[in-house]
C-alpha atoms as a PDB file:
ATOM      1  CA  MET A   1     171.159  11.359  14.935  1.00  0.00           C
ATOM      2  CA  ASN A   2     167.806  11.628  13.234  1.00  0.00           C
ATOM      3  CA  ASP A   3     169.234  13.635  10.342  1.00  0.00           C
ATOM      4  CA  ALA A   4     172.807  12.628   9.486  1.00  0.00           C
ATOM      5  CA  ARG A   5     173.420  16.127   8.150  1.00  0.00           C
ATOM      6  CA  ASP A   6     172.811  17.800  11.553  1.00  0.00           C
ATOM      7  CA  ALA A   7     175.943  18.753  13.437  1.00  0.00           C
ATOM      8  CA  SER A   8     176.744  18.426  17.086  1.00  0.00           C
ATOM      9  CA  THR A   9     178.945  21.106  18.565  1.00  0.00           C
ATOM     10  CA  ALA A  10     181.150  21.330  21.603  1.00  0.00           C
ATOM     11  CA  HIS A  11     183.744  23.543  23.238  1.00  0.00           C
ATOM     12  CA  GLY A  12     182.139  26.876  22.437  1.00  0.00           C
ATOM     13  CA  ALA A  13     181.771  26.543  18.683  1.00  0.00           C
ATOM     14  CA  ASP A  14     179.477  29.244  17.341  1.00  0.00           C
ATOM     15  CA  GLU A  15     177.920  27.408  14.402  1.00  0.00           C
ATOM     16  CA  GLY A  16     177.326  23.742  13.685  1.00  0.00           C
ATOM     17  CA  LEU A  17     179.569  21.973  11.230  1.00  0.00           C
ATOM     18  CA  THR A  18     177.818  21.210   7.966  1.00  0.00           C
ATOM     19  CA  VAL A  19     178.572  18.907   5.074  1.00  0.00           C
ATOM     20  CA  GLU A  20     178.973  22.032   2.933  1.00  0.00           C
ATOM     21  CA  LYS A  21     181.705  23.340   5.291  1.00  0.00           C
ATOM     22  CA  VAL A  22     183.512  19.983   5.145  1.00  0.00           C
ATOM     23  CA  VAL A  23     183.376  20.076   1.328  1.00  0.00           C
ATOM     24  CA  GLU A  24     184.610  23.696   1.330  1.00  0.00           C
ATOM     25  CA  VAL A  25     187.642  22.810   3.474  1.00  0.00           C
ATOM     26  CA  LEU A  26     188.434  19.711   1.389  1.00  0.00           C
ATOM     27  CA  ASP A  27     188.092  21.672  -1.867  1.00  0.00           C
ATOM     28  CA  GLY A  28     190.419  24.366  -0.524  1.00  0.00           C
ATOM     29  CA  ALA A  29     193.154  21.941   0.502  1.00  0.00           C
ATOM     30  CA  THR A  30     196.132  21.567  -1.793  1.00  0.00           C
ATOM     31  CA  TRP A  31     197.280  18.484   0.104  1.00  0.00           C
ATOM     32  CA  VAL A  32     195.658  16.165   2.630  1.00  0.00           C
ATOM     33  CA  MET A  33     197.083  13.317   4.690  1.00  0.00           C
ATOM     34  CA  LEU A  34     195.483   9.948   3.942  1.00  0.00           C
ATOM     35  CA  THR A  35     195.985   7.500   6.821  1.00  0.00           C
ATOM     36  CA  THR A  36     195.279   3.776   6.895  1.00  0.00           C
ATOM     37  CA  ALA A  37     196.329   0.881   9.106  1.00  0.00           C
ATOM     38  CA  LEU A  38     198.819  -1.801   8.127  1.00  0.00           C
ATOM     39  CA  ALA A  39     198.211  -5.479   8.923  1.00  0.00           C
ATOM     40  CA  ASP A  40     200.277  -5.139  12.128  1.00  0.00           C
ATOM     41  CA  GLY A  41     198.158  -2.195  13.286  1.00  0.00           C
ATOM     42  CA  LYS A  42     200.725   0.510  12.550  1.00  0.00           C
ATOM     43  CA  LEU A  43     199.329   3.621  10.924  1.00  0.00           C
ATOM     44  CA  LEU A  44     200.570   4.702   7.503  1.00  0.00           C
ATOM     45  CA  SER A  45     200.020   8.254   6.239  1.00  0.00           C
ATOM     46  CA  HIS A  46     200.806   9.800   2.883  1.00  0.00           C
ATOM     47  CA  PRO A  47     200.264  13.290   1.505  1.00  0.00           C
ATOM     48  CA  MET A  48     197.715  13.112  -1.283  1.00  0.00           C
ATOM     49  CA  GLY A  49     195.892  15.466  -3.601  1.00  0.00           C
ATOM     50  CA  ILE A  50     192.135  15.071  -3.811  1.00  0.00           C
ATOM     51  CA  GLN A  51     191.076  14.802  -7.440  1.00  0.00           C
ATOM     52  CA  GLU A  52     187.385  15.364  -6.678  1.00  0.00           C
ATOM     53  CA  THR A  53     185.142  16.024  -3.692  1.00  0.00           C
ATOM     54  CA  THR A  54     181.448  15.213  -4.068  1.00  0.00           C
ATOM     55  CA  PRO A  55     178.648  17.303  -2.512  1.00  0.00           C
ATOM     56  CA  GLU A  56     178.350  14.532   0.122  1.00  0.00           C
ATOM     57  CA  ALA A  57     182.051  15.023   1.094  1.00  0.00           C
ATOM     58  CA  ASP A  58     183.154  11.769  -0.526  1.00  0.00           C
ATOM     59  CA  MET A  59     186.556  11.975  -2.189  1.00  0.00           C
ATOM     60  CA  TYR A  60     188.335  10.520  -5.207  1.00  0.00           C
ATOM     61  CA  PHE A  61     192.095  10.006  -5.276  1.00  0.00           C
ATOM     62  CA  ILE A  62     194.356   8.663  -7.996  1.00  0.00           C
ATOM     63  CA  ILE A  63     196.820   6.316  -6.318  1.00  0.00           C
ATOM     64  CA  ASP A  64     199.636   3.989  -7.323  1.00  0.00           C
ATOM     65  CA  THR A  65     198.269   0.467  -6.784  1.00  0.00           C
ATOM     66  CA  THR A  66     201.765  -0.999  -6.309  1.00  0.00           C
ATOM     67  CA  THR A  67     202.532   0.860  -3.059  1.00  0.00           C
ATOM     68  CA  ASP A  68     202.343  -0.350   0.552  1.00  0.00           C
ATOM     69  CA  GLN A  69     199.552   2.147   1.092  1.00  0.00           C
ATOM     70  CA  ALA A  70     197.402   0.631  -1.667  1.00  0.00           C
ATOM     71  CA  ILE A  71     198.008  -2.871  -0.329  1.00  0.00           C
ATOM     72  CA  ALA A  72     197.036  -1.735   3.185  1.00  0.00           C
ATOM     73  CA  LEU A  73     193.878  -0.077   1.848  1.00  0.00           C
ATOM     74  CA  ARG A  74     192.722  -3.356   0.335  1.00  0.00           C
ATOM     75  CA  ASP A  75     193.208  -5.173   3.651  1.00  0.00           C
ATOM     76  CA  ALA A  76     191.906  -2.422   5.965  1.00  0.00           C
ATOM     77  CA  PRO A  77     189.682   0.082   4.151  1.00  0.00           C
ATOM     78  CA  GLN A  78     188.987   2.326   7.169  1.00  0.00           C
ATOM     79  CA  VAL A  79     190.807   5.619   6.567  1.00  0.00           C
ATOM     80  CA  ASN A  80     191.272   9.084   7.918  1.00  0.00           C
ATOM     81  CA  VAL A  81     191.779  12.118   5.708  1.00  0.00           C
ATOM     82  CA  SER A  82     193.154  15.155   7.505  1.00  0.00           C
ATOM     83  CA  VAL A  83     193.730  18.775   6.582  1.00  0.00           C
ATOM     84  CA  ALA A  84     195.777  21.185   8.685  1.00  0.00           C
ATOM     85  CA  GLU A  85     196.013  24.839   7.765  1.00  0.00           C
ATOM     86  CA  ALA A  86     196.507  27.971   9.841  1.00  0.00           C
ATOM     87  CA  GLY A  87     193.274  28.447  11.694  1.00  0.00           C
ATOM     88  CA  SER A  88     191.531  25.189  10.837  1.00  0.00           C
ATOM     89  CA  TRP A  89     191.990  21.470  11.153  1.00  0.00           C
ATOM     90  CA  LEU A  90     189.705  18.871   9.622  1.00  0.00           C
ATOM     91  CA  SER A  91     189.658  15.125  10.188  1.00  0.00           C
ATOM     92  CA  VAL A  92     187.367  12.940   8.051  1.00  0.00           C
ATOM     93  CA  ALA A  93     186.775   9.269   8.846  1.00  0.00           C
ATOM     94  CA  GLY A  94     185.645   7.018   6.029  1.00  0.00           C
ATOM     95  CA  THR A  95     185.906   3.792   4.098  1.00  0.00           C
ATOM     96  CA  ALA A  96     188.058   3.453   0.995  1.00  0.00           C
ATOM     97  CA  ALA A  97     187.381   1.275  -2.019  1.00  0.00           C
ATOM     98  CA  PHE A  98     189.136   0.902  -5.347  1.00  0.00           C
ATOM     99  CA  VAL A  99     186.886   1.642  -8.310  1.00  0.00           C
ATOM    100  CA  GLU A 100     187.473   0.278 -11.812  1.00  0.00           C
ATOM    101  CA  ASP A 101     186.518   3.260 -13.984  1.00  0.00           C
ATOM    102  CA  ARG A 102     189.076   4.352 -16.599  1.00  0.00           C
ATOM    103  CA  ALA A 103     186.655   6.987 -17.906  1.00  0.00           C
ATOM    104  CA  LYS A 104     186.613   8.592 -14.436  1.00  0.00           C
ATOM    105  CA  VAL A 105     190.420   8.429 -14.247  1.00  0.00           C
ATOM    106  CA  ARG A 106     190.624  10.263 -17.599  1.00  0.00           C
ATOM    107  CA  GLU A 107     188.063  12.822 -16.373  1.00  0.00           C
ATOM    108  CA  LEU A 108     190.111  13.486 -13.220  1.00  0.00           C
ATOM    109  CA  TRP A 109     193.513  13.406 -14.925  1.00  0.00           C
ATOM    110  CA  SER A 110     195.672  16.507 -14.494  1.00  0.00           C
ATOM    111  CA  ASP A 111     199.140  17.558 -15.616  1.00  0.00           C
ATOM    112  CA  ALA A 112     200.363  17.274 -12.009  1.00  0.00           C
ATOM    113  CA  LEU A 113     199.828  13.494 -12.130  1.00  0.00           C
ATOM    114  CA  GLU A 114     202.329  13.170 -14.989  1.00  0.00           C
ATOM    115  CA  ALA A 115     205.117  13.332 -12.406  1.00  0.00           C
ATOM    116  CA  TYR A 116     203.901  10.008 -10.972  1.00  0.00           C
ATOM    117  CA  PHE A 117     202.316   8.097 -13.852  1.00  0.00           C
ATOM    118  CA  GLU A 118     202.872   7.431 -17.572  1.00  0.00           C
ATOM    119  CA  GLY A 119     199.410   8.776 -18.382  1.00  0.00           C
ATOM    120  CA  PRO A 120     195.774   8.079 -17.512  1.00  0.00           C
ATOM    121  CA  ASP A 121     196.025   4.545 -18.918  1.00  0.00           C
ATOM    122  CA  ASP A 122     199.057   3.614 -16.778  1.00  0.00           C
ATOM    123  CA  PRO A 123     198.271   0.129 -15.378  1.00  0.00           C
ATOM    124  CA  ALA A 124     199.599   1.176 -11.936  1.00  0.00           C
ATOM    125  CA  ILE A 125     196.856   3.800 -11.543  1.00  0.00           C
ATOM    126  CA  GLY A 126     194.076   3.047  -9.124  1.00  0.00           C
ATOM    127  CA  LEU A 127     190.985   5.162  -8.564  1.00  0.00           C
ATOM    128  CA  LEU A 128     190.292   5.309  -4.846  1.00  0.00           C
ATOM    129  CA  HIS A 129     186.863   6.400  -3.613  1.00  0.00           C
ATOM    130  CA  VAL A 130     186.590   7.395   0.042  1.00  0.00           C
ATOM    131  CA  SER A 131     183.039   7.293   1.389  1.00  0.00           C
ATOM    132  CA  SER A 132     183.048   9.830   4.203  1.00  0.00           C
ATOM    133  CA  GLU A 133     181.318   8.789   7.417  1.00  0.00           C
ATOM    134  CA  SER A 134     182.040  11.609   9.868  1.00  0.00           C
ATOM    135  CA  ALA A 135     184.146  14.717  10.163  1.00  0.00           C
ATOM    136  CA  GLN A 136     185.609  16.649  13.031  1.00  0.00           C
ATOM    137  CA  TYR A 137     186.622  20.272  12.632  1.00  0.00           C
ATOM    138  CA  TRP A 138     188.490  22.666  14.845  1.00  0.00           C
ATOM    139  CA  GLY A 139     188.700  26.244  13.748  1.00  0.00           C
ATOM    140  CA  VAL A 140     189.224  29.802  14.829  1.00  0.00           C
ATOM    141  CA  PRO A 141     186.459  32.183  13.711  1.00  0.00           C
ATOM    142  CA  GLY A 142     187.674  34.497  10.946  1.00  0.00           C
ATOM    143  CA  GLY A 143     189.931  32.096   9.052  1.00  0.00           C
ATOM    144  CA  LYS A 144     193.697  32.071   8.582  1.00  0.00           C
ATOM    145  CA  VAL A 145     194.431  35.727   9.285  1.00  0.00           C
ATOM    146  CA  ALA A 146     192.352  35.702  12.463  1.00  0.00           C
ATOM    147  CA  ALA A 147     193.985  32.433  13.534  1.00  0.00           C
ATOM    148  CA  LEU A 148     197.485  33.846  13.147  1.00  0.00           C
ATOM    149  CA  ALA A 149     196.489  36.981  15.061  1.00  0.00           C
ATOM    150  CA  GLU A 150     194.938  34.827  17.801  1.00  0.00           C
ATOM    151  CA  ILE A 151     198.115  32.746  18.109  1.00  0.00           C
ATOM    152  CA  VAL A 152     200.248  35.888  18.450  1.00  0.00           C
ATOM    153  CA  LYS A 153     197.796  37.343  20.984  1.00  0.00           C
ATOM    154  CA  THR A 154     197.802  34.200  23.127  1.00  0.00           C
ATOM    155  CA  ARG A 155     201.602  34.077  23.107  1.00  0.00           C
ATOM    156  CA  LEU A 156     201.749  37.660  24.331  1.00  0.00           C
ATOM    157  CA  THR A 157     198.985  37.373  26.932  1.00  0.00           C
ATOM    158  CA  GLY A 158     199.454  33.758  27.985  1.00  0.00           C
ATOM    159  CA  GLY A 159     195.767  33.072  27.321  1.00  0.00           C
ATOM    160  CA  ARG A 160     194.144  30.307  25.335  1.00  0.00           C
ATOM    161  CA  PRO A 161     193.191  30.697  21.669  1.00  0.00           C
ATOM    162  CA  ALA A 162     189.555  31.034  20.674  1.00  0.00           C
ATOM    163  CA  GLY A 163     187.904  28.316  18.656  1.00  0.00           C
ATOM    164  CA  GLY A 164     186.012  25.131  19.101  1.00  0.00           C
ATOM    165  CA  THR A 165     185.555  21.579  17.959  1.00  0.00           C
ATOM    166  CA  GLU A 166     182.609  20.423  15.915  1.00  0.00           C
ATOM    167  CA  THR A 167     181.566  17.022  14.569  1.00  0.00           C
ATOM    168  CA  VAL A 168     179.171  16.048  11.793  1.00  0.00           C
ATOM    169  CA  GLU A 169     177.995  12.634  10.643  1.00  0.00           C
ATOM    170  CA  LEU A 170     178.242  12.399   6.851  1.00  0.00           C
END
């Protein structure tokens, strides 16, 4: 693509996917699934909370550096972050890297993290930055309520739900 922010659309999508839409979906997600590959090629996914999404759709996570997931991320930094909610599904491909920045960890610290860590200076804390490369989105126009109505309608009529798939390079 000439402009990496242009979107390509397929399957009847009405509007192109934009970086701003990707950021909006990521910001609205309570939980995402972060997937990486283990050394043997098996995929490993964990539910994660995004601590920050940048305007470019990059993401910051606070992660326990002692877990299998953290070890796998060091060996194979290609990741997928996915969001699934009624009416929309987002898949973001990117590259993960650990960042040494205790000031950023303190900035992103929240009370919810206290369930997992001793505090923002816990030595097990790692700051993971995911540089987003592309995103694919499937959605039903009108959001969650419209999606639920569309699902009910298609069950009653035997038709196919409306919606389309869109991709954007980030």
